[in-house]
Amino acid sequence: VRELSIATMQSKSFFEGMNLLKLNPEVIEKQMTKDAMGTIQRVLEKVNALPQDKRLSAMTMLFGKEF
C-alpha cells in the first residue's frame, strides 16, 4: 500500500512496473488518497491481465522482493 501511496517517489524498477501495466504513477498516487482499496484492486486487475509469466515480475517491480 505504501508503495502506491508514494508512487511518484519510487525507484526506477517501480516505474518500469508501472509502464508494464500502463499506469501513471501520478494518477495512482492521487487515487490512493481518494479510494485506496479501489486503486489497489485496479492495480491487481492490471497485473492479473498480464501473461502469467510476467505477473511475478510486475509485482516484484511494484512491491519489492518482500512480496
Protein backbone atom coordinates (compact mmCIF):
# COMPACT_ATOMS: atom_id res chain seq x y z
CA VAL A 1 0.00 0.00 0.00
CA ARG A 2 2.78 2.43 0.91
CA GLU A 3 4.41 1.97 -2.47
CA LEU A 4 1.29 3.08 -4.30
CA SER A 5 0.67 5.99 -1.92
CA ILE A 6 4.08 7.47 -2.76
CA ALA A 7 4.17 6.31 -6.37
CA THR A 8 5.92 9.40 -7.72
CA MET A 9 8.83 8.94 -5.28
CA GLN A 10 9.62 5.33 -6.14
CA SER A 11 12.58 3.61 -7.78
CA LYS A 12 13.33 3.08 -11.44
CA SER A 13 12.15 -0.52 -11.10
CA PHE A 14 8.79 0.67 -9.76
CA PHE A 15 8.36 3.00 -12.75
CA GLU A 16 9.21 0.12 -15.09
CA GLY A 17 6.46 -1.91 -13.43
CA MET A 18 4.03 0.97 -13.84
CA ASN A 19 4.94 1.21 -17.52
CA LEU A 20 4.46 -2.53 -17.92
CA LEU A 21 0.93 -2.14 -16.51
CA LYS A 22 0.35 1.07 -18.49
CA LEU A 23 -0.35 3.01 -15.29
CA ASN A 24 0.54 6.62 -14.46
CA PRO A 25 2.24 6.94 -11.04
CA GLU A 26 0.86 10.47 -10.51
CA VAL A 27 -2.70 9.29 -11.13
CA ILE A 28 -2.25 6.22 -8.90
CA GLU A 29 -0.89 8.38 -6.08
CA LYS A 30 -3.90 10.74 -6.27
CA GLN A 31 -6.36 7.85 -6.48
CA MET A 32 -4.83 6.29 -3.35
CA THR A 33 -5.87 9.36 -1.33
CA LYS A 34 -9.48 9.09 -2.52
CA ASP A 35 -10.10 5.34 -2.83
CA ALA A 36 -7.18 3.23 -1.66
CA MET A 37 -8.98 -0.13 -1.81
CA GLY A 38 -10.39 0.55 -5.27
CA THR A 39 -6.99 1.68 -6.54
CA ILE A 40 -5.28 -1.43 -5.18
CA GLN A 41 -7.93 -3.60 -6.81
CA ARG A 42 -7.45 -1.85 -10.16
CA VAL A 43 -3.67 -2.31 -9.98
CA LEU A 44 -4.08 -6.00 -9.14
CA GLU A 45 -6.57 -6.41 -12.01
CA LYS A 46 -3.94 -4.95 -14.36
CA VAL A 47 -1.38 -7.41 -13.01
CA ASN A 48 -3.84 -10.27 -13.44
CA ALA A 49 -4.40 -9.23 -17.08
CA LEU A 50 -0.70 -9.78 -17.86
CA PRO A 51 0.52 -13.09 -19.24
CA GLN A 52 1.16 -15.46 -16.34
CA ASP A 53 4.94 -15.38 -16.84
CA LYS A 54 5.01 -11.57 -16.40
CA ARG A 55 2.88 -11.30 -13.24
CA LEU A 56 5.50 -12.10 -10.62
CA SER A 57 7.98 -9.71 -12.23
CA ALA A 58 5.41 -6.93 -12.25
CA MET A 59 4.52 -7.49 -8.59
CA THR A 60 8.19 -7.54 -7.61
CA MET A 61 8.83 -4.30 -9.51
CA LEU A 62 5.95 -2.60 -7.71
CA PHE A 63 6.11 -4.04 -4.22
CA GLY A 64 9.66 -5.33 -3.83
CA LYS A 65 11.15 -8.71 -3.15
CA GLU A 66 9.44 -8.97 0.26
CA PHE A 67 6.18 -9.52 -1.61
